[in-house]
Amino acid sequence: MTEDGPEDAEEGLTYAEAGVDIDASEAATAALVGAVEGVEDESAYAGLLDVGDRYLALATDGVGTKLLVAEALEDYSTIGIDCMAMNVNDLVAGGVRPVAFVDYLAVDEPSEALAEQIGEGLAAGAKEAEVALVGGETAVMPEVVKGFDLAGTVAGLAPKDAVFPGEAEVGDVLVGFASSGIHSNGLTLAREAATREGAYTDAYPYEGYETVGEALLEPTRIYTYLLDHLRDLDVHAAAHVTGGGWTNLSRMGDFEYDVTDPLPAQDVFTFVQERGNVSDEEMHRTFNMGTGFVVALPETDAETLVAETDGERIGEVREGDSVEVRGLSL
């Protein structure tokens, strides 16, 4: 990330060493999908069901180990936003408008304070995403769950001609949209780094937050506001930058994604990298590094998108099979 960064430092943390092996996780997911027969049409981020003149789309996700930071700080007010964002953003990446959401809260013992704060976050996320909260489930399972877990499922609808093809094209321009920080991926590594020589309650060394924990809890940005703009343009594909960091761009097809002008990474990434001695490559393979959403589309449409939104041109699509960013080849 910086010339004097800790790329060559010994005992540098990796995501796998922190507890999450991305390759093993992807292999397990592939095994699960391969064992299920009769799966309907599936985009890169959501399942699509043909319901006549439209597609019904479904996506499900949770908040992950970010919950442990909330638990440590006893602040659960924003993780509902994370749960909403991680689901609705996946639909936006396919060109689908989210319409309804249900949540699932599993706890080892019931807590009114916990449920109330989570509910407030879900309501705030639903309002921002313009999604209806239509139900949910709370399960008390002391022998299965330690603490709590939060997940959700979103349903969306899209006219068939509104769904993005899902495949970028050589010559496409990449337009990036800033993240709000770490979002809800890579927290296993970020938590390990943050607590390596301190605690979540330590003073945050940069501006914007009082404590390290507050910086890690910054809620995931919601990108549903982009849909009206994207549907008016010839969008070929889009990527929600989640687990796997910048390698998510390859979900738009096997090309070289030449990111010549990446958006700046927030200070929280510098903090994690320095505290954990994490290499530049590991950071970009794990975190969004300042960019939470990327769109691939033709030059003229890209100029329109940049003019109408807060997106910025960050690169283009070429022949090849890699993601080139900040001197790295992922």
C-alpha atoms as a PDB file:
ATOM      1  CA  MET A   1       0.000   0.000   0.000  1.00  0.00           C
ATOM      2  CA  THR A   2       2.927   2.285   0.711  1.00  0.00           C
ATOM      3  CA  GLU A   3       6.553   2.161  -0.338  1.00  0.00           C
ATOM      4  CA  ASP A   4       7.667   1.643   3.233  1.00  0.00           C
ATOM      5  CA  GLY A   5       4.849  -0.811   3.991  1.00  0.00           C
ATOM      6  CA  PRO A   6       5.457  -4.131   5.786  1.00  0.00           C
ATOM      7  CA  GLU A   7       5.450  -6.372   2.735  1.00  0.00           C
ATOM      8  CA  ASP A   8       8.672  -8.099   3.737  1.00  0.00           C
ATOM      9  CA  ALA A   9       8.133  -8.023   7.489  1.00  0.00           C
ATOM     10  CA  GLU A  10       8.420 -11.344   9.290  1.00  0.00           C
ATOM     11  CA  GLU A  11       5.464 -12.866  11.082  1.00  0.00           C
ATOM     12  CA  GLY A  12       3.024 -10.941   8.905  1.00  0.00           C
ATOM     13  CA  LEU A  13      -0.585 -11.974   9.340  1.00  0.00           C
ATOM     14  CA  THR A  14      -2.555 -13.663   6.571  1.00  0.00           C
ATOM     15  CA  TYR A  15      -6.281 -14.319   6.296  1.00  0.00           C
ATOM     16  CA  ALA A  16      -5.669 -18.079   6.386  1.00  0.00           C
ATOM     17  CA  GLU A  17      -3.528 -17.845   9.504  1.00  0.00           C
ATOM     18  CA  ALA A  18      -6.182 -15.691  11.142  1.00  0.00           C
ATOM     19  CA  GLY A  19      -8.668 -18.494  10.566  1.00  0.00           C
ATOM     20  CA  VAL A  20     -10.195 -18.123   7.073  1.00  0.00           C
ATOM     21  CA  ASP A  21      -8.729 -19.987   4.104  1.00  0.00           C
ATOM     22  CA  ILE A  22     -10.403 -18.449   1.032  1.00  0.00           C
ATOM     23  CA  ASP A  23      -9.381 -21.310  -1.282  1.00  0.00           C
ATOM     24  CA  ALA A  24     -10.774 -23.914   1.108  1.00  0.00           C
ATOM     25  CA  SER A  25     -13.953 -21.896   1.536  1.00  0.00           C
ATOM     26  CA  GLU A  26     -14.486 -21.637  -2.220  1.00  0.00           C
ATOM     27  CA  ALA A  27     -13.876 -25.369  -2.620  1.00  0.00           C
ATOM     28  CA  ALA A  28     -16.440 -26.156   0.071  1.00  0.00           C
ATOM     29  CA  THR A  29     -18.971 -23.845  -1.569  1.00  0.00           C
ATOM     30  CA  ALA A  30     -18.388 -25.485  -4.946  1.00  0.00           C
ATOM     31  CA  ALA A  31     -18.907 -28.899  -3.363  1.00  0.00           C
ATOM     32  CA  LEU A  32     -22.209 -27.775  -1.861  1.00  0.00           C
ATOM     33  CA  VAL A  33     -23.475 -26.282  -5.117  1.00  0.00           C
ATOM     34  CA  GLY A  34     -22.331 -29.334  -7.062  1.00  0.00           C
ATOM     35  CA  ALA A  35     -24.268 -31.643  -4.754  1.00  0.00           C
ATOM     36  CA  VAL A  36     -27.556 -29.771  -5.253  1.00  0.00           C
ATOM     37  CA  GLU A  37     -29.518 -30.866  -8.291  1.00  0.00           C
ATOM     38  CA  GLY A  38     -31.983 -28.735 -10.209  1.00  0.00           C
ATOM     39  CA  VAL A  39     -30.535 -25.315  -9.421  1.00  0.00           C
ATOM     40  CA  GLU A  40     -32.243 -22.663 -11.546  1.00  0.00           C
ATOM     41  CA  ASP A  41     -30.474 -19.854 -13.421  1.00  0.00           C
ATOM     42  CA  GLU A  42     -27.830 -18.222 -11.254  1.00  0.00           C
ATOM     43  CA  SER A  43     -26.018 -14.923 -11.645  1.00  0.00           C
ATOM     44  CA  ALA A  44     -22.657 -14.228 -10.039  1.00  0.00           C
ATOM     45  CA  TYR A  45     -24.329 -12.956  -6.878  1.00  0.00           C
ATOM     46  CA  ALA A  46     -27.928 -14.193  -6.725  1.00  0.00           C
ATOM     47  CA  GLY A  47     -30.211 -16.976  -7.863  1.00  0.00           C
ATOM     48  CA  LEU A  48     -32.702 -16.045 -10.596  1.00  0.00           C
ATOM     49  CA  LEU A  49     -36.109 -17.677 -11.075  1.00  0.00           C
ATOM     50  CA  ASP A  50     -38.089 -17.112 -14.278  1.00  0.00           C
ATOM     51  CA  VAL A  51     -41.596 -15.969 -13.277  1.00  0.00           C
ATOM     52  CA  GLY A  52     -42.940 -15.028 -16.687  1.00  0.00           C
ATOM     53  CA  ASP A  53     -42.038 -11.537 -17.825  1.00  0.00           C
ATOM     54  CA  ARG A  54     -39.661 -10.996 -14.899  1.00  0.00           C
ATOM     55  CA  TYR A  55     -36.994 -12.627 -12.800  1.00  0.00           C
ATOM     56  CA  LEU A  56     -37.409 -13.259  -9.108  1.00  0.00           C
ATOM     57  CA  ALA A  57     -33.992 -13.047  -7.468  1.00  0.00           C
ATOM     58  CA  LEU A  58     -32.927 -14.349  -4.068  1.00  0.00           C
ATOM     59  CA  ALA A  59     -29.726 -13.771  -2.121  1.00  0.00           C
ATOM     60  CA  THR A  60     -28.710 -14.606   1.434  1.00  0.00           C
ATOM     61  CA  ASP A  61     -25.818 -13.464   3.605  1.00  0.00           C
ATOM     62  CA  GLY A  62     -24.798 -12.574   7.120  1.00  0.00           C
ATOM     63  CA  VAL A  63     -22.523 -10.193   8.984  1.00  0.00           C
ATOM     64  CA  GLY A  64     -19.726 -12.627   9.817  1.00  0.00           C
ATOM     65  CA  THR A  65     -17.225 -12.090  12.605  1.00  0.00           C
ATOM     66  CA  LYS A  66     -17.907  -8.365  12.654  1.00  0.00           C
ATOM     67  CA  LEU A  67     -20.486  -9.477  15.215  1.00  0.00           C
ATOM     68  CA  LEU A  68     -17.642 -10.179  17.645  1.00  0.00           C
ATOM     69  CA  VAL A  69     -16.532  -6.543  17.493  1.00  0.00           C
ATOM     70  CA  ALA A  70     -20.093  -5.415  18.199  1.00  0.00           C
ATOM     71  CA  GLU A  71     -20.280  -7.869  21.082  1.00  0.00           C
ATOM     72  CA  ALA A  72     -16.977  -6.670  22.537  1.00  0.00           C
ATOM     73  CA  LEU A  73     -18.148  -3.045  22.446  1.00  0.00           C
ATOM     74  CA  GLU A  74     -21.743  -3.938  23.387  1.00  0.00           C
ATOM     75  CA  ASP A  75     -22.857  -1.823  20.434  1.00  0.00           C
ATOM     76  CA  TYR A  76     -25.229  -3.648  18.111  1.00  0.00           C
ATOM     77  CA  SER A  77     -26.824  -0.568  16.553  1.00  0.00           C
ATOM     78  CA  THR A  78     -25.233  -0.815  13.098  1.00  0.00           C
ATOM     79  CA  ILE A  79     -24.873  -4.515  12.345  1.00  0.00           C
ATOM     80  CA  GLY A  80     -28.444  -4.645  11.060  1.00  0.00           C
ATOM     81  CA  ILE A  81     -27.359  -2.184   8.369  1.00  0.00           C
ATOM     82  CA  ASP A  82     -24.470  -4.520   7.522  1.00  0.00           C
ATOM     83  CA  CYS A  83     -26.839  -7.471   7.190  1.00  0.00           C
ATOM     84  CA  MET A  84     -29.128  -5.520   4.881  1.00  0.00           C
ATOM     85  CA  ALA A  85     -26.255  -4.132   2.803  1.00  0.00           C
ATOM     86  CA  MET A  86     -24.489  -7.439   2.243  1.00  0.00           C
ATOM     87  CA  ASN A  87     -27.705  -8.842   0.784  1.00  0.00           C
ATOM     88  CA  VAL A  88     -29.136  -5.978  -1.254  1.00  0.00           C
ATOM     89  CA  ASN A  89     -25.773  -5.060  -2.790  1.00  0.00           C
ATOM     90  CA  ASP A  90     -25.534  -8.544  -4.286  1.00  0.00           C
ATOM     91  CA  LEU A  91     -28.835  -7.968  -6.101  1.00  0.00           C
ATOM     92  CA  VAL A  92     -27.717  -4.555  -7.337  1.00  0.00           C
ATOM     93  CA  ALA A  93     -24.658  -6.250  -8.885  1.00  0.00           C
ATOM     94  CA  GLY A  94     -27.047  -8.236 -11.063  1.00  0.00           C
ATOM     95  CA  GLY A  95     -29.303  -5.330 -12.011  1.00  0.00           C
ATOM     96  CA  VAL A  96     -32.100  -6.511  -9.723  1.00  0.00           C
ATOM     97  CA  ARG A  97     -34.126  -4.211  -7.475  1.00  0.00           C
ATOM     98  CA  PRO A  98     -34.462  -5.552  -3.902  1.00  0.00           C
ATOM     99  CA  VAL A  99     -38.049  -5.492  -2.657  1.00  0.00           C
ATOM    100  CA  ALA A 100     -38.371  -7.601   0.508  1.00  0.00           C
ATOM    101  CA  PHE A 101     -36.151  -8.827   3.326  1.00  0.00           C
ATOM    102  CA  VAL A 102     -36.358 -11.349   6.166  1.00  0.00           C
ATOM    103  CA  ASP A 103     -33.825 -11.765   8.961  1.00  0.00           C
ATOM    104  CA  TYR A 104     -32.686 -14.669  11.113  1.00  0.00           C
ATOM    105  CA  LEU A 105     -31.284 -14.035  14.584  1.00  0.00           C
ATOM    106  CA  ALA A 106     -29.878 -16.991  16.515  1.00  0.00           C
ATOM    107  CA  VAL A 107     -28.887 -16.464  20.165  1.00  0.00           C
ATOM    108  CA  ASP A 108     -27.677 -18.526  23.084  1.00  0.00           C
ATOM    109  CA  GLU A 109     -30.036 -16.609  25.362  1.00  0.00           C
ATOM    110  CA  PRO A 110     -32.694 -13.974  24.644  1.00  0.00           C
ATOM    111  CA  SER A 111     -31.803 -10.304  25.146  1.00  0.00           C
ATOM    112  CA  GLU A 112     -34.225  -7.438  24.638  1.00  0.00           C
ATOM    113  CA  ALA A 113     -31.414  -4.893  24.363  1.00  0.00           C
ATOM    114  CA  LEU A 114     -29.614  -6.920  21.685  1.00  0.00           C
ATOM    115  CA  ALA A 115     -32.792  -7.521  19.674  1.00  0.00           C
ATOM    116  CA  GLU A 116     -33.859  -3.879  19.883  1.00  0.00           C
ATOM    117  CA  GLN A 117     -30.542  -2.525  18.627  1.00  0.00           C
ATOM    118  CA  ILE A 118     -30.361  -5.067  15.803  1.00  0.00           C
ATOM    119  CA  GLY A 119     -33.937  -4.217  14.845  1.00  0.00           C
ATOM    120  CA  GLU A 120     -33.100  -0.513  14.723  1.00  0.00           C
ATOM    121  CA  GLY A 121     -30.192  -1.220  12.386  1.00  0.00           C
ATOM    122  CA  LEU A 122     -32.303  -3.417  10.128  1.00  0.00           C
ATOM    123  CA  ALA A 123     -34.971  -0.721   9.940  1.00  0.00           C
ATOM    124  CA  ALA A 124     -32.399   1.935   9.071  1.00  0.00           C
ATOM    125  CA  GLY A 125     -30.904  -0.291   6.374  1.00  0.00           C
ATOM    126  CA  ALA A 126     -34.318  -1.125   4.945  1.00  0.00           C
ATOM    127  CA  LYS A 127     -35.210   2.557   4.726  1.00  0.00           C
ATOM    128  CA  GLU A 128     -32.003   3.402   2.907  1.00  0.00           C
ATOM    129  CA  ALA A 129     -32.325   0.439   0.552  1.00  0.00           C
ATOM    130  CA  GLU A 130     -36.071   1.073   0.042  1.00  0.00           C
ATOM    131  CA  VAL A 131     -36.828  -2.521   0.959  1.00  0.00           C
ATOM    132  CA  ALA A 132     -39.784  -3.882   2.940  1.00  0.00           C
ATOM    133  CA  LEU A 133     -39.008  -5.832   6.116  1.00  0.00           C
ATOM    134  CA  VAL A 134     -41.615  -8.558   5.850  1.00  0.00           C
ATOM    135  CA  GLY A 135     -40.666 -10.879   8.692  1.00  0.00           C
ATOM    136  CA  GLY A 136     -37.941 -12.709  10.508  1.00  0.00           C
ATOM    137  CA  GLU A 137     -37.109 -15.428  12.982  1.00  0.00           C
ATOM    138  CA  THR A 138     -35.379 -15.477  16.349  1.00  0.00           C
ATOM    139  CA  ALA A 139     -34.080 -18.829  17.550  1.00  0.00           C
ATOM    140  CA  VAL A 140     -32.746 -19.554  21.039  1.00  0.00           C
ATOM    141  CA  MET A 141     -30.180 -22.350  20.717  1.00  0.00           C
ATOM    142  CA  PRO A 142     -27.759 -22.396  23.666  1.00  0.00           C
ATOM    143  CA  GLU A 143     -26.196 -25.717  22.660  1.00  0.00           C
ATOM    144  CA  VAL A 144     -25.605 -24.618  19.067  1.00  0.00           C
ATOM    145  CA  VAL A 145     -24.800 -20.908  19.215  1.00  0.00           C
ATOM    146  CA  LYS A 146     -22.283 -19.148  21.418  1.00  0.00           C
ATOM    147  CA  GLY A 147     -23.333 -15.525  21.659  1.00  0.00           C
ATOM    148  CA  PHE A 148     -25.415 -14.765  18.582  1.00  0.00           C
ATOM    149  CA  ASP A 149     -25.491 -14.828  14.793  1.00  0.00           C
ATOM    150  CA  LEU A 150     -27.370 -12.611  12.347  1.00  0.00           C
ATOM    151  CA  ALA A 151     -28.208 -13.367   8.738  1.00  0.00           C
ATOM    152  CA  GLY A 152     -30.860 -12.419   6.227  1.00  0.00           C
ATOM    153  CA  THR A 153     -32.414 -13.159   2.865  1.00  0.00           C
ATOM    154  CA  VAL A 154     -33.525 -10.625   0.283  1.00  0.00           C
ATOM    155  CA  ALA A 155     -35.943 -11.035  -2.598  1.00  0.00           C
ATOM    156  CA  GLY A 156     -35.827  -8.853  -5.686  1.00  0.00           C
ATOM    157  CA  LEU A 157     -37.614  -8.415  -8.993  1.00  0.00           C
ATOM    158  CA  ALA A 158     -36.332  -7.320 -12.380  1.00  0.00           C
ATOM    159  CA  PRO A 159     -37.689  -7.162 -15.929  1.00  0.00           C
ATOM    160  CA  LYS A 160     -35.735  -9.655 -17.989  1.00  0.00           C
ATOM    161  CA  ASP A 161     -34.156  -6.932 -20.098  1.00  0.00           C
ATOM    162  CA  ALA A 162     -32.948  -5.104 -16.972  1.00  0.00           C
ATOM    163  CA  VAL A 163     -30.697  -7.872 -15.662  1.00  0.00           C
ATOM    164  CA  PHE A 164     -27.050  -7.239 -16.486  1.00  0.00           C
ATOM    165  CA  PRO A 165     -25.466  -9.766 -18.888  1.00  0.00           C
ATOM    166  CA  GLY A 166     -22.850 -10.454 -16.200  1.00  0.00           C
ATOM    167  CA  GLU A 167     -19.904 -10.605 -18.592  1.00  0.00           C
ATOM    168  CA  ALA A 168     -17.585  -7.664 -19.138  1.00  0.00           C
ATOM    169  CA  GLU A 169     -16.149  -6.927 -22.579  1.00  0.00           C
ATOM    170  CA  VAL A 170     -12.629  -6.019 -23.648  1.00  0.00           C
ATOM    171  CA  GLY A 171     -12.435  -2.247 -23.855  1.00  0.00           C
ATOM    172  CA  ASP A 172     -14.999  -1.638 -21.127  1.00  0.00           C
ATOM    173  CA  VAL A 173     -14.306   1.133 -18.660  1.00  0.00           C
ATOM    174  CA  LEU A 174     -14.334   0.307 -14.952  1.00  0.00           C
ATOM    175  CA  VAL A 175     -16.229   2.761 -12.750  1.00  0.00           C
ATOM    176  CA  GLY A 176     -15.661   2.386  -9.017  1.00  0.00           C
ATOM    177  CA  PHE A 177     -17.734   3.504  -6.050  1.00  0.00           C
ATOM    178  CA  ALA A 178     -16.162   4.170  -2.688  1.00  0.00           C
ATOM    179  CA  SER A 179     -16.687   1.869   0.259  1.00  0.00           C
ATOM    180  CA  SER A 180     -17.328   3.209   3.749  1.00  0.00           C
ATOM    181  CA  GLY A 181     -14.404   1.212   5.143  1.00  0.00           C
ATOM    182  CA  ILE A 182     -13.886  -2.477   5.800  1.00  0.00           C
ATOM    183  CA  HIS A 183     -17.600  -3.297   5.323  1.00  0.00           C
ATOM    184  CA  SER A 184     -18.366  -6.874   6.476  1.00  0.00           C
ATOM    185  CA  ASN A 185     -15.590  -8.965   4.975  1.00  0.00           C
ATOM    186  CA  GLY A 186     -12.119  -9.819   6.192  1.00  0.00           C
ATOM    187  CA  LEU A 187     -13.003  -9.040   9.813  1.00  0.00           C
ATOM    188  CA  THR A 188     -11.301 -12.230  11.004  1.00  0.00           C
ATOM    189  CA  LEU A 189      -8.005 -10.809   9.756  1.00  0.00           C
ATOM    190  CA  ALA A 190      -8.811  -7.245  10.790  1.00  0.00           C
ATOM    191  CA  ARG A 191      -9.769  -8.324  14.316  1.00  0.00           C
ATOM    192  CA  GLU A 192      -6.619 -10.392  14.695  1.00  0.00           C
ATOM    193  CA  ALA A 193      -4.505  -7.441  13.577  1.00  0.00           C
ATOM    194  CA  ALA A 194      -6.372  -4.900  15.701  1.00  0.00           C
ATOM    195  CA  THR A 195      -6.000  -6.906  18.899  1.00  0.00           C
ATOM    196  CA  ARG A 196      -2.445  -8.094  18.257  1.00  0.00           C
ATOM    197  CA  GLU A 197      -0.956  -5.328  20.364  1.00  0.00           C
ATOM    198  CA  GLY A 198      -4.058  -3.726  21.832  1.00  0.00           C
ATOM    199  CA  ALA A 199      -7.829  -3.790  22.251  1.00  0.00           C
ATOM    200  CA  TYR A 200     -10.943  -2.563  20.454  1.00  0.00           C
ATOM    201  CA  THR A 201     -11.268   0.183  23.058  1.00  0.00           C
ATOM    202  CA  ASP A 202      -7.832   1.624  22.236  1.00  0.00           C
ATOM    203  CA  ALA A 203      -7.763   5.151  20.843  1.00  0.00           C
ATOM    204  CA  TYR A 204      -7.953   5.143  17.054  1.00  0.00           C
ATOM    205  CA  PRO A 205      -4.744   6.720  15.672  1.00  0.00           C
ATOM    206  CA  TYR A 206      -6.506   8.562  12.833  1.00  0.00           C
ATOM    207  CA  GLU A 207      -9.375  11.035  12.555  1.00  0.00           C
ATOM    208  CA  GLY A 208     -13.035  10.059  12.386  1.00  0.00           C
ATOM    209  CA  TYR A 209     -13.398   7.600  15.252  1.00  0.00           C
ATOM    210  CA  GLU A 210     -12.606   7.584  18.941  1.00  0.00           C
ATOM    211  CA  THR A 211     -11.720   3.891  19.225  1.00  0.00           C
ATOM    212  CA  VAL A 212     -10.382   1.110  17.036  1.00  0.00           C
ATOM    213  CA  GLY A 213     -13.631  -0.799  17.485  1.00  0.00           C
ATOM    214  CA  GLU A 214     -15.703   2.089  16.153  1.00  0.00           C
ATOM    215  CA  ALA A 215     -13.619   2.176  12.982  1.00  0.00           C
ATOM    216  CA  LEU A 216     -14.135  -1.555  12.455  1.00  0.00           C
ATOM    217  CA  LEU A 217     -17.895  -1.225  13.060  1.00  0.00           C
ATOM    218  CA  GLU A 218     -18.464   1.445  10.384  1.00  0.00           C
ATOM    219  CA  PRO A 219     -21.488  -0.039   8.565  1.00  0.00           C
ATOM    220  CA  THR A 220     -21.358  -1.388   5.034  1.00  0.00           C
ATOM    221  CA  ARG A 221     -22.381   1.082   2.354  1.00  0.00           C
ATOM    222  CA  ILE A 222     -25.650   0.386   0.505  1.00  0.00           C
ATOM    223  CA  TYR A 223     -25.552   0.816  -3.292  1.00  0.00           C
ATOM    224  CA  THR A 224     -29.227   0.496  -4.255  1.00  0.00           C
ATOM    225  CA  TYR A 225     -29.249   4.211  -5.162  1.00  0.00           C
ATOM    226  CA  LEU A 226     -27.275   3.268  -8.283  1.00  0.00           C
ATOM    227  CA  LEU A 227     -29.954   1.094  -9.857  1.00  0.00           C
ATOM    228  CA  ASP A 228     -31.923   3.806 -11.637  1.00  0.00           C
ATOM    229  CA  HIS A 229     -28.723   5.132 -13.193  1.00  0.00           C
ATOM    230  CA  LEU A 230     -27.332   1.713 -14.127  1.00  0.00           C
ATOM    231  CA  ARG A 231     -30.547   0.552 -15.782  1.00  0.00           C
ATOM    232  CA  ASP A 232     -30.465   3.524 -18.165  1.00  0.00           C
ATOM    233  CA  LEU A 233     -27.000   2.544 -19.389  1.00  0.00           C
ATOM    234  CA  ASP A 234     -25.450  -0.361 -21.250  1.00  0.00           C
ATOM    235  CA  VAL A 235     -23.954  -2.035 -18.173  1.00  0.00           C
ATOM    236  CA  HIS A 236     -22.232  -5.294 -19.065  1.00  0.00           C
ATOM    237  CA  ALA A 237     -21.393  -6.457 -15.535  1.00  0.00           C
ATOM    238  CA  ALA A 238     -20.928  -5.267 -11.976  1.00  0.00           C
ATOM    239  CA  ALA A 239     -19.049  -6.524  -8.944  1.00  0.00           C
ATOM    240  CA  HIS A 240     -19.856  -6.147  -5.264  1.00  0.00           C
ATOM    241  CA  VAL A 241     -16.389  -6.196  -3.675  1.00  0.00           C
ATOM    242  CA  THR A 242     -16.791  -8.576  -0.736  1.00  0.00           C
ATOM    243  CA  GLY A 243     -14.857 -11.632   0.473  1.00  0.00           C
ATOM    244  CA  GLY A 244     -11.765 -12.116  -1.651  1.00  0.00           C
ATOM    245  CA  GLY A 245     -11.245  -8.383  -2.042  1.00  0.00           C
ATOM    246  CA  TRP A 246     -10.196  -7.228  -5.501  1.00  0.00           C
ATOM    247  CA  THR A 247     -10.335 -10.747  -6.935  1.00  0.00           C
ATOM    248  CA  ASN A 248     -14.119 -10.218  -7.003  1.00  0.00           C
ATOM    249  CA  LEU A 249     -13.637  -8.373 -10.278  1.00  0.00           C
ATOM    250  CA  SER A 250     -12.965 -11.741 -11.929  1.00  0.00           C
ATOM    251  CA  ARG A 251     -16.619 -12.600 -11.287  1.00  0.00           C
ATOM    252  CA  MET A 252     -17.337 -10.329 -14.266  1.00  0.00           C
ATOM    253  CA  GLY A 253     -15.492 -12.779 -16.535  1.00  0.00           C
ATOM    254  CA  ASP A 254     -11.994 -13.992 -17.337  1.00  0.00           C
ATOM    255  CA  PHE A 255     -10.259 -10.791 -18.365  1.00  0.00           C
ATOM    256  CA  GLU A 256      -7.496  -8.524 -17.174  1.00  0.00           C
ATOM    257  CA  TYR A 257      -8.919  -5.778 -14.994  1.00  0.00           C
ATOM    258  CA  ASP A 258      -6.377  -2.992 -15.215  1.00  0.00           C
ATOM    259  CA  VAL A 259      -7.104  -0.689 -12.281  1.00  0.00           C
ATOM    260  CA  THR A 260      -4.942   2.309 -13.126  1.00  0.00           C
ATOM    261  CA  ASP A 261      -6.626   4.841 -10.816  1.00  0.00           C
ATOM    262  CA  PRO A 262      -7.940   3.043  -7.728  1.00  0.00           C
ATOM    263  CA  LEU A 263      -9.978   5.015  -5.220  1.00  0.00           C
ATOM    264  CA  PRO A 264      -8.073   5.879  -2.037  1.00  0.00           C
ATOM    265  CA  ALA A 265      -8.142   3.325   0.768  1.00  0.00           C
ATOM    266  CA  GLN A 266      -9.420   4.603   4.105  1.00  0.00           C
ATOM    267  CA  ASP A 267      -7.101   4.917   7.105  1.00  0.00           C
ATOM    268  CA  VAL A 268      -8.567   1.803   8.682  1.00  0.00           C
ATOM    269  CA  PHE A 269      -6.775  -0.305   6.071  1.00  0.00           C
ATOM    270  CA  THR A 270      -3.457   1.376   6.874  1.00  0.00           C
ATOM    271  CA  PHE A 271      -4.090   0.679  10.540  1.00  0.00           C
ATOM    272  CA  VAL A 272      -4.837  -3.022   9.941  1.00  0.00           C
ATOM    273  CA  GLN A 273      -1.866  -3.457   7.625  1.00  0.00           C
ATOM    274  CA  GLU A 274       0.607  -1.805   9.974  1.00  0.00           C
ATOM    275  CA  ARG A 275      -0.720  -3.409  13.161  1.00  0.00           C
ATOM    276  CA  GLY A 276      -0.754  -6.888  11.616  1.00  0.00           C
ATOM    277  CA  ASN A 277       2.268  -6.611   9.294  1.00  0.00           C
ATOM    278  CA  VAL A 278      -0.030  -7.671   6.465  1.00  0.00           C
ATOM    279  CA  SER A 279       1.400  -7.692   2.939  1.00  0.00           C
ATOM    280  CA  ASP A 280      -0.036  -5.498   0.170  1.00  0.00           C
ATOM    281  CA  GLU A 281      -1.154  -8.576  -1.765  1.00  0.00           C
ATOM    282  CA  GLU A 282      -2.919 -10.086   1.247  1.00  0.00           C
ATOM    283  CA  MET A 283      -4.681  -6.794   1.912  1.00  0.00           C
ATOM    284  CA  HIS A 284      -6.025  -6.613  -1.648  1.00  0.00           C
ATOM    285  CA  ARG A 285      -7.018 -10.288  -1.663  1.00  0.00           C
ATOM    286  CA  THR A 286      -8.944  -9.840   1.576  1.00  0.00           C
ATOM    287  CA  PHE A 287     -10.388  -6.319   1.758  1.00  0.00           C
ATOM    288  CA  ASN A 288     -12.173  -3.896  -0.573  1.00  0.00           C
ATOM    289  CA  MET A 289      -9.341  -1.365  -0.011  1.00  0.00           C
ATOM    290  CA  GLY A 290     -11.624   1.635  -0.462  1.00  0.00           C
ATOM    291  CA  THR A 291     -13.806   0.448  -3.356  1.00  0.00           C
ATOM    292  CA  GLY A 292     -17.037  -1.369  -2.566  1.00  0.00           C
ATOM    293  CA  PHE A 293     -18.689  -1.611  -5.987  1.00  0.00           C
ATOM    294  CA  VAL A 294     -17.372  -1.708  -9.573  1.00  0.00           C
ATOM    295  CA  VAL A 295     -19.227  -1.453 -12.884  1.00  0.00           C
ATOM    296  CA  ALA A 296     -17.971  -2.449 -16.354  1.00  0.00           C
ATOM    297  CA  LEU A 297     -19.552  -0.608 -19.283  1.00  0.00           C
ATOM    298  CA  PRO A 298     -18.660   1.121 -22.584  1.00  0.00           C
ATOM    299  CA  GLU A 299     -16.732   4.405 -22.627  1.00  0.00           C
ATOM    300  CA  THR A 300     -19.641   6.748 -23.400  1.00  0.00           C
ATOM    301  CA  ASP A 301     -21.908   5.156 -20.807  1.00  0.00           C
ATOM    302  CA  ALA A 302     -19.094   5.290 -18.262  1.00  0.00           C
ATOM    303  CA  GLU A 303     -18.751   9.032 -18.810  1.00  0.00           C
ATOM    304  CA  THR A 304     -22.494   9.429 -18.183  1.00  0.00           C
ATOM    305  CA  LEU A 305     -22.380   7.299 -15.037  1.00  0.00           C
ATOM    306  CA  VAL A 306     -19.485   9.303 -13.605  1.00  0.00           C
ATOM    307  CA  ALA A 307     -21.266  12.575 -14.414  1.00  0.00           C
ATOM    308  CA  GLU A 308     -24.527  11.485 -12.775  1.00  0.00           C
ATOM    309  CA  THR A 309     -23.194   9.729  -9.666  1.00  0.00           C
ATOM    310  CA  ASP A 310     -20.317   9.692  -7.200  1.00  0.00           C
ATOM    311  CA  GLY A 311     -18.527   7.019  -9.220  1.00  0.00           C
ATOM    312  CA  GLU A 312     -15.055   7.502 -10.648  1.00  0.00           C
ATOM    313  CA  ARG A 313     -13.232   5.962 -13.577  1.00  0.00           C
ATOM    314  CA  ILE A 314     -10.671   3.557 -12.117  1.00  0.00           C
ATOM    315  CA  GLY A 315      -9.460   1.503 -15.091  1.00  0.00           C
ATOM    316  CA  GLU A 316     -10.478  -0.693 -17.985  1.00  0.00           C
ATOM    317  CA  VAL A 317     -10.963  -4.272 -19.136  1.00  0.00           C
ATOM    318  CA  ARG A 318      -8.295  -5.922 -21.291  1.00  0.00           C
ATOM    319  CA  GLU A 319      -7.459  -9.344 -22.680  1.00  0.00           C
ATOM    320  CA  GLY A 320      -5.920 -11.505 -19.974  1.00  0.00           C
ATOM    321  CA  ASP A 321      -6.743 -13.185 -16.696  1.00  0.00           C
ATOM    322  CA  SER A 322      -5.787 -11.078 -13.676  1.00  0.00           C
ATOM    323  CA  VAL A 323      -6.547  -8.010 -11.599  1.00  0.00           C
ATOM    324  CA  GLU A 324      -3.796  -5.400 -11.863  1.00  0.00           C
ATOM    325  CA  VAL A 325      -3.947  -2.857  -9.042  1.00  0.00           C
ATOM    326  CA  ARG A 326      -1.354  -0.791  -7.167  1.00  0.00           C
ATOM    327  CA  GLY A 327       1.537  -2.722  -8.692  1.00  0.00           C
ATOM    328  CA  LEU A 328       0.012  -6.086  -7.802  1.00  0.00           C
ATOM    329  CA  SER A 329      -1.135  -8.848 -10.133  1.00  0.00           C
ATOM    330  CA  LEU A 330      -3.887 -10.802  -8.401  1.00  0.00           C
END
